[in-house]
C-alpha cells in the first residue's frame, strides 16, 4: 500500500466513490470502468474487489495503487481509510467472490 497515494486523495478536497465489484471481467466490469471514466474528472474513484479468500483489494482507479484488507478483522481499518479519503458513496455492483462481511461496510464507514 502506498500511504502517499491515500494521503494525496485525502488532501485533494474531492469526494470519492468506491465501486464494490466482483473479480470477473465481462459486462459488469465494462460498465463500472465506463462509469469510472465518466466521473473521474469530478471525484476520486476506488474499487473494492475480491482478492483471495476473505481478503479484498482496494484499488485506486487512476494510479492502480492497491491495499489489501482481510475481513471481517480489517473492516474497521478499511472503513476508516474510506472515510479519510472522502468516500461519499459506496456503489455496490456485485458481491460474488467477496467475503460476507463486505455487506457490513456501509454501516462501518
Protein backbone atom coordinates (compact mmCIF):
# COMPACT_ATOMS: atom_id res chain seq x y z
CA UNK A 1 0.00 0.00 0.00
CA UNK A 2 1.26 3.45 -0.82
CA UNK A 3 0.38 5.73 2.08
CA UNK A 4 1.39 8.73 -0.07
CA UNK A 5 -1.33 7.95 -2.62
CA UNK A 6 -4.03 7.68 0.03
CA UNK A 7 -2.81 10.86 1.75
CA UNK A 8 -2.91 12.60 -1.62
CA UNK A 9 -6.52 11.52 -2.13
CA UNK A 10 -7.41 12.70 1.37
CA UNK A 11 -5.84 16.09 0.70
CA UNK A 12 -7.35 16.55 -2.76
CA UNK A 13 -10.57 18.09 -1.47
CA UNK A 14 -12.52 15.99 -3.98
CA UNK A 15 -15.17 13.49 -2.89
CA UNK A 16 -14.54 9.84 -3.62
CA UNK A 17 -16.70 6.97 -4.80
CA UNK A 18 -15.87 3.33 -4.13
CA UNK A 19 -17.26 0.73 -6.52
CA UNK A 20 -17.77 -2.73 -4.98
CA UNK A 21 -17.42 -5.29 -7.75
CA UNK A 22 -16.78 -8.95 -8.44
CA UNK A 23 -13.44 -10.12 -9.78
CA UNK A 24 -14.63 -11.31 -13.16
CA UNK A 25 -14.50 -9.42 -16.39
CA UNK A 26 -17.47 -9.07 -18.68
CA UNK A 27 -20.37 -6.65 -18.79
CA UNK A 28 -20.33 -5.56 -15.15
CA UNK A 29 -16.62 -4.76 -15.34
CA UNK A 30 -17.04 -2.80 -18.57
CA UNK A 31 -20.00 -0.91 -17.11
CA UNK A 32 -18.10 0.01 -13.93
CA UNK A 33 -14.99 1.06 -15.86
CA UNK A 34 -17.18 3.24 -18.11
CA UNK A 35 -18.78 4.85 -15.06
CA UNK A 36 -15.36 5.42 -13.50
CA UNK A 37 -14.10 7.18 -16.63
CA UNK A 38 -17.23 9.36 -16.75
CA UNK A 39 -16.89 10.62 -13.18
CA UNK A 40 -13.09 10.60 -12.75
CA UNK A 41 -12.86 14.31 -13.59
CA UNK A 42 -15.03 15.19 -10.62
CA UNK A 43 -14.33 12.54 -7.98
CA UNK A 44 -11.62 10.15 -6.88
CA UNK A 45 -12.59 6.62 -7.90
CA UNK A 46 -11.72 3.49 -5.95
CA UNK A 47 -12.61 -0.16 -6.47
CA UNK A 48 -13.17 -2.80 -3.81
CA UNK A 49 -12.64 -6.21 -5.38
CA UNK A 50 -12.12 -9.77 -4.18
CA UNK A 51 -8.54 -10.90 -3.68
CA UNK A 52 -8.04 -14.35 -2.10
CA UNK A 53 -10.28 -15.97 0.50
CA UNK A 54 -11.62 -13.33 2.88
CA UNK A 55 -9.24 -10.66 1.55
CA UNK A 56 -10.41 -7.68 -0.50
CA UNK A 57 -8.33 -5.33 -2.62
CA UNK A 58 -8.87 -1.58 -2.51
CA UNK A 59 -7.61 -0.17 -5.80
CA UNK A 60 -7.24 3.47 -6.77
CA UNK A 61 -8.60 3.77 -10.30
CA UNK A 62 -6.18 6.22 -11.89
CA UNK A 63 -2.95 5.12 -10.21
CA UNK A 64 -3.64 1.42 -9.76
CA UNK A 65 -2.27 1.59 -6.19
CA UNK A 66 -3.61 -1.29 -4.13
CA UNK A 67 -4.17 -2.05 -0.46
CA UNK A 68 -5.41 -5.35 0.96
CA UNK A 69 -7.76 -6.00 3.88
CA UNK A 70 -8.85 -9.30 5.41
CA UNK A 71 -12.47 -9.20 6.52
CA UNK A 72 -14.08 -9.09 8.96
CA UNK A 73 -11.00 -8.32 11.09
CA UNK A 74 -9.78 -5.38 8.98
CA UNK A 75 -13.26 -3.94 8.41
CA UNK A 76 -12.72 -1.03 10.85
CA UNK A 77 -9.38 -0.20 9.19
CA UNK A 78 -10.90 -0.28 5.70
CA UNK A 79 -13.86 1.84 6.84
CA UNK A 80 -11.52 4.38 8.43
CA UNK A 81 -9.42 4.60 5.25
CA UNK A 82 -12.53 5.13 3.12
CA UNK A 83 -13.71 7.92 5.42
CA UNK A 84 -10.24 9.51 5.46
CA UNK A 85 -10.05 9.72 1.64
CA UNK A 86 -13.51 11.26 1.44
CA UNK A 87 -15.62 8.37 0.17
CA UNK A 88 -19.14 9.76 -0.01
CA UNK A 89 -20.70 6.82 -1.85
CA UNK A 90 -20.27 3.06 -1.92
CA UNK A 91 -21.61 1.89 -5.27
CA UNK A 92 -22.41 -1.80 -4.88
CA UNK A 93 -22.47 -3.71 -8.14
CA UNK A 94 -21.81 -7.30 -7.20
CA UNK A 95 -20.75 -9.28 -4.14
CA UNK A 96 -19.83 -12.62 -5.74
CA UNK A 97 -16.40 -13.66 -4.55
CA UNK A 98 -16.34 -11.09 -1.75
CA UNK A 99 -16.46 -12.05 1.93
CA UNK A 100 -19.89 -11.76 3.55
CA UNK A 101 -18.55 -9.02 5.84
CA UNK A 102 -18.47 -6.66 2.83
CA UNK A 103 -22.19 -6.20 3.47
CA UNK A 104 -21.28 -4.53 6.79
CA UNK A 105 -19.00 -1.97 5.15
CA UNK A 106 -21.63 0.73 4.55
CA UNK A 107 -22.62 0.79 8.22
CA UNK A 108 -18.98 0.73 9.33
CA UNK A 109 -17.93 3.54 7.00
